[in-house]
């Protein structure tokens, strides 16, 4: 039995509520389908890094490096110019950690949904309506049709919040972030894999799991 643990740096707490579940579910699916030996996967990250300067994050990660096997660095990418800048900044975290304590770059996995994390949440609109207990069609509450449409949204968070208001009304309106975990539990990876940014993330995760011998 091997233990596959991870550390993570997230943009915010709502992103963490979603991504902690997606990471665990995806690792379970990959490892259990392709495993060479039995593996145990924790419920969540064993180390949560604080968002601070690159050098400070590198020191924090290196100090705790014996506690985890994989490291996830998350960044919302925003517009096109910001997209390139933030993804490079995430890679710079990986580079700094490698330079400081030799952490293998292949085990440092960048999570970069297009524009915002909500683009992944909206990629599977049926999961959104199910989490809200809504039996109508996603289009009736102005949700995108699927992953490609979700990635083209410039403000996916606003689209999700509008859908919640359309379903629950303003008086019963819930915070979108309160639903992130419920949506993550319901999402289909077959659908998420139609998102280019999710596929890129999964490819990086596959390479990392191969490097540690889990698949």
Protein backbone atom coordinates (compact mmCIF):
# COMPACT_ATOMS: atom_id res chain seq x y z
CA UNK A 1 0.00 0.00 0.00
CA UNK A 2 1.40 3.39 -0.99
CA UNK A 3 0.23 6.79 0.24
CA UNK A 4 -0.14 9.62 -2.29
CA UNK A 5 -0.37 13.00 -0.57
CA UNK A 6 -0.27 16.53 -1.88
CA UNK A 7 0.35 20.15 -0.97
CA UNK A 8 -1.45 23.04 -2.62
CA UNK A 9 -1.42 26.78 -3.11
CA UNK A 10 -4.86 28.15 -4.03
CA UNK A 11 -6.04 31.59 -5.09
CA UNK A 12 -8.79 31.66 -2.46
CA UNK A 13 -10.89 29.57 -0.09
CA UNK A 14 -13.79 29.08 -2.53
CA UNK A 15 -11.32 27.78 -5.15
CA UNK A 16 -9.94 25.41 -2.53
CA UNK A 17 -13.42 24.08 -1.70
CA UNK A 18 -13.82 23.07 -5.33
CA UNK A 19 -10.32 22.01 -6.29
CA UNK A 20 -9.66 19.87 -3.21
CA UNK A 21 -12.51 17.60 -4.31
CA UNK A 22 -11.60 17.65 -8.01
CA UNK A 23 -7.96 16.77 -7.28
CA UNK A 24 -8.89 13.89 -4.99
CA UNK A 25 -11.58 12.50 -7.30
CA UNK A 26 -9.35 12.72 -10.37
CA UNK A 27 -6.40 11.05 -8.63
CA UNK A 28 -8.67 8.27 -7.42
CA UNK A 29 -10.00 7.68 -10.92
CA UNK A 30 -6.56 7.70 -12.53
CA UNK A 31 -4.81 5.58 -9.92
CA UNK A 32 -7.58 3.02 -9.43
CA UNK A 33 -7.94 2.52 -13.18
CA UNK A 34 -4.21 2.28 -13.92
CA UNK A 35 -2.59 1.43 -10.61
CA UNK A 36 0.38 -0.88 -10.41
CA UNK A 37 -0.12 -1.25 -6.65
CA UNK A 38 -2.67 -0.31 -4.02
CA UNK A 39 -2.65 3.37 -3.13
CA UNK A 40 -4.27 5.43 -0.39
CA UNK A 41 -5.32 9.00 -1.21
CA UNK A 42 -6.14 11.46 1.59
CA UNK A 43 -9.37 13.45 1.69
CA UNK A 44 -7.53 16.70 1.03
CA UNK A 45 -4.15 18.38 0.87
CA UNK A 46 -1.83 17.64 3.78
CA UNK A 47 -0.14 21.05 3.42
CA UNK A 48 -1.85 24.31 2.40
CA UNK A 49 0.69 26.91 1.36
CA UNK A 50 0.02 30.60 1.99
CA UNK A 51 -0.11 32.98 -0.97
CA UNK A 52 2.89 35.24 -0.52
CA UNK A 53 6.07 36.07 -2.41
CA UNK A 54 7.58 33.39 -4.63
CA UNK A 55 10.65 33.07 -2.40
CA UNK A 56 8.51 32.74 0.74
CA UNK A 57 6.30 30.09 -0.87
CA UNK A 58 9.41 28.21 -1.99
CA UNK A 59 10.80 28.21 1.57
CA UNK A 60 7.47 27.07 3.01
CA UNK A 61 7.16 24.25 0.46
CA UNK A 62 10.74 23.12 0.94
CA UNK A 63 10.41 23.10 4.73
CA UNK A 64 7.40 20.75 4.43
CA UNK A 65 8.56 18.72 1.43
CA UNK A 66 8.84 15.44 3.34
CA UNK A 67 5.08 15.54 4.02
CA UNK A 68 3.84 15.34 0.43
CA UNK A 69 4.47 13.71 -2.95
CA UNK A 70 2.83 16.24 -5.29
CA UNK A 71 2.47 20.01 -5.27
CA UNK A 72 -0.40 21.91 -6.93
CA UNK A 73 -0.13 25.61 -7.78
CA UNK A 74 -3.43 27.28 -8.72
CA UNK A 75 -3.96 30.51 -10.62
CA UNK A 76 -7.04 32.08 -12.20
CA UNK A 77 -5.81 33.29 -15.55
CA UNK A 78 -8.10 36.26 -16.28
CA UNK A 79 -7.80 37.92 -19.70
CA UNK A 80 -5.33 36.94 -22.40
CA UNK A 81 -2.43 39.10 -21.18
CA UNK A 82 -3.07 38.16 -17.55
CA UNK A 83 -3.41 34.53 -18.60
CA UNK A 84 0.17 34.39 -19.82
CA UNK A 85 1.47 36.38 -16.83
CA UNK A 86 -0.22 34.32 -14.12
CA UNK A 87 0.57 30.95 -15.66
CA UNK A 88 4.22 32.01 -15.90
CA UNK A 89 4.09 33.16 -12.27
CA UNK A 90 2.80 29.73 -11.28
CA UNK A 91 5.65 28.12 -13.17
CA UNK A 92 8.02 30.48 -11.40
CA UNK A 93 6.86 29.06 -8.06
CA UNK A 94 7.78 25.60 -9.34
CA UNK A 95 11.14 26.84 -10.57
CA UNK A 96 11.94 28.55 -7.27
CA UNK A 97 11.07 25.45 -5.26
CA UNK A 98 13.24 23.33 -7.54
CA UNK A 99 16.17 25.72 -7.21
CA UNK A 100 15.86 25.94 -3.42
CA UNK A 101 15.53 22.27 -2.53
CA UNK A 102 15.57 20.23 -5.74
CA UNK A 103 11.82 19.56 -5.87
CA UNK A 104 11.24 17.86 -9.28
CA UNK A 105 9.38 20.25 -11.64
CA UNK A 106 7.26 17.36 -12.98
CA UNK A 107 5.76 16.99 -9.49
CA UNK A 108 4.77 20.67 -9.38
CA UNK A 109 1.43 20.85 -11.19
CA UNK A 110 -0.07 24.13 -12.35
CA UNK A 111 -3.88 24.47 -12.21
CA UNK A 112 -4.94 27.24 -14.59
CA UNK A 113 -8.64 27.29 -15.53
CA UNK A 114 -9.44 29.74 -18.33
CA UNK A 115 -10.33 33.13 -16.79
CA UNK A 116 -11.64 31.77 -13.44
CA UNK A 117 -12.17 28.50 -11.62
CA UNK A 118 -15.88 28.95 -12.30
CA UNK A 119 -15.22 28.08 -15.97
CA UNK A 120 -14.62 24.50 -14.80
CA UNK A 121 -17.68 24.57 -12.56
CA UNK A 122 -19.83 25.69 -15.51
CA UNK A 123 -18.30 23.13 -17.88
CA UNK A 124 -20.85 20.57 -16.66
CA UNK A 125 -24.11 22.54 -16.44
CA UNK A 126 -26.13 19.48 -15.38
CA UNK A 127 -23.94 19.22 -12.27
CA UNK A 128 -24.76 22.85 -11.47
CA UNK A 129 -28.52 22.40 -11.80
CA UNK A 130 -28.38 19.14 -9.82
CA UNK A 131 -26.49 20.85 -6.97
CA UNK A 132 -29.21 23.51 -6.95
CA UNK A 133 -32.03 20.93 -6.99
CA UNK A 134 -33.32 22.34 -10.28
CA UNK A 135 -35.00 20.01 -12.78
CA UNK A 136 -35.26 22.48 -15.67
CA UNK A 137 -32.80 22.76 -18.52
CA UNK A 138 -29.47 24.57 -17.97
CA UNK A 139 -30.24 26.91 -20.88
CA UNK A 140 -33.41 28.09 -19.13
CA UNK A 141 -31.25 29.70 -16.42
CA UNK A 142 -28.66 31.03 -18.89
CA UNK A 143 -25.94 28.47 -18.21
CA UNK A 144 -23.47 27.67 -21.01
CA UNK A 145 -24.05 24.53 -23.05
CA UNK A 146 -20.74 22.89 -22.16
CA UNK A 147 -16.99 23.21 -21.64
CA UNK A 148 -16.11 25.13 -24.81
CA UNK A 149 -18.79 27.72 -24.16
CA UNK A 150 -17.78 27.98 -20.48
CA UNK A 151 -14.16 28.67 -21.40
CA UNK A 152 -15.21 31.51 -23.68
CA UNK A 153 -16.99 33.35 -20.86
CA UNK A 154 -15.11 36.44 -19.70
CA UNK A 155 -16.87 36.45 -16.30
CA UNK A 156 -17.95 32.88 -15.46
CA UNK A 157 -18.45 33.74 -11.81
CA UNK A 158 -21.15 36.28 -12.73
CA UNK A 159 -22.87 33.72 -14.96
CA UNK A 160 -22.96 31.20 -12.12
CA UNK A 161 -24.31 33.76 -9.67
CA UNK A 162 -27.02 34.79 -12.15
CA UNK A 163 -28.10 31.17 -12.58
CA UNK A 164 -28.40 30.78 -8.82
CA UNK A 165 -30.56 33.90 -8.63
CA UNK A 166 -32.72 32.68 -11.51
CA UNK A 167 -33.34 29.38 -9.74
CA UNK A 168 -33.65 30.43 -6.12
CA UNK A 169 -34.74 34.04 -6.41
CA UNK A 170 -33.13 36.94 -4.64
CA UNK A 171 -34.63 36.15 -1.23
CA UNK A 172 -33.27 32.58 -1.13
CA UNK A 173 -30.10 33.35 -3.02
CA UNK A 174 -27.09 31.37 -1.81
CA UNK A 175 -23.49 32.36 -2.16
CA UNK A 176 -22.06 30.66 -5.25
CA UNK A 177 -19.05 29.47 -3.26
CA UNK A 178 -21.36 27.50 -0.92
CA UNK A 179 -22.21 25.23 -3.86
CA UNK A 180 -18.69 24.57 -5.14
CA UNK A 181 -18.16 21.33 -3.23
CA UNK A 182 -21.59 19.98 -4.21
CA UNK A 183 -20.92 20.74 -7.89
CA UNK A 184 -17.45 19.18 -7.73
CA UNK A 185 -18.90 15.94 -6.36
CA UNK A 186 -21.37 15.71 -9.26
CA UNK A 187 -19.19 16.64 -12.22
CA UNK A 188 -18.38 14.23 -15.03
CA UNK A 189 -14.70 14.00 -15.94
CA UNK A 190 -15.72 12.94 -19.45
CA UNK A 191 -17.30 16.37 -19.80
CA UNK A 192 -14.51 18.28 -18.03
CA UNK A 193 -11.99 16.69 -20.39
CA UNK A 194 -13.60 18.64 -23.24
CA UNK A 195 -12.14 21.77 -21.61
CA UNK A 196 -8.66 22.54 -23.00
CA UNK A 197 -7.38 23.94 -19.70
CA UNK A 198 -8.63 20.92 -17.75
CA UNK A 199 -7.00 18.52 -20.21
CA UNK A 200 -3.71 20.37 -19.81
CA UNK A 201 -4.00 20.05 -16.03
CA UNK A 202 -4.79 16.32 -16.22
CA UNK A 203 -1.82 15.68 -18.51
CA UNK A 204 0.46 17.34 -15.97
CA UNK A 205 -1.06 15.26 -13.18
CA UNK A 206 -0.57 12.05 -15.18
CA UNK A 207 3.11 12.89 -15.70
CA UNK A 208 3.53 13.55 -11.97
CA UNK A 209 1.85 10.30 -10.96
CA UNK A 210 4.04 8.37 -13.39
CA UNK A 211 7.11 10.05 -11.90
CA UNK A 212 6.28 8.88 -8.37
CA UNK A 213 5.40 5.39 -9.61
CA UNK A 214 1.69 5.45 -8.80
CA UNK A 215 0.67 4.55 -12.36
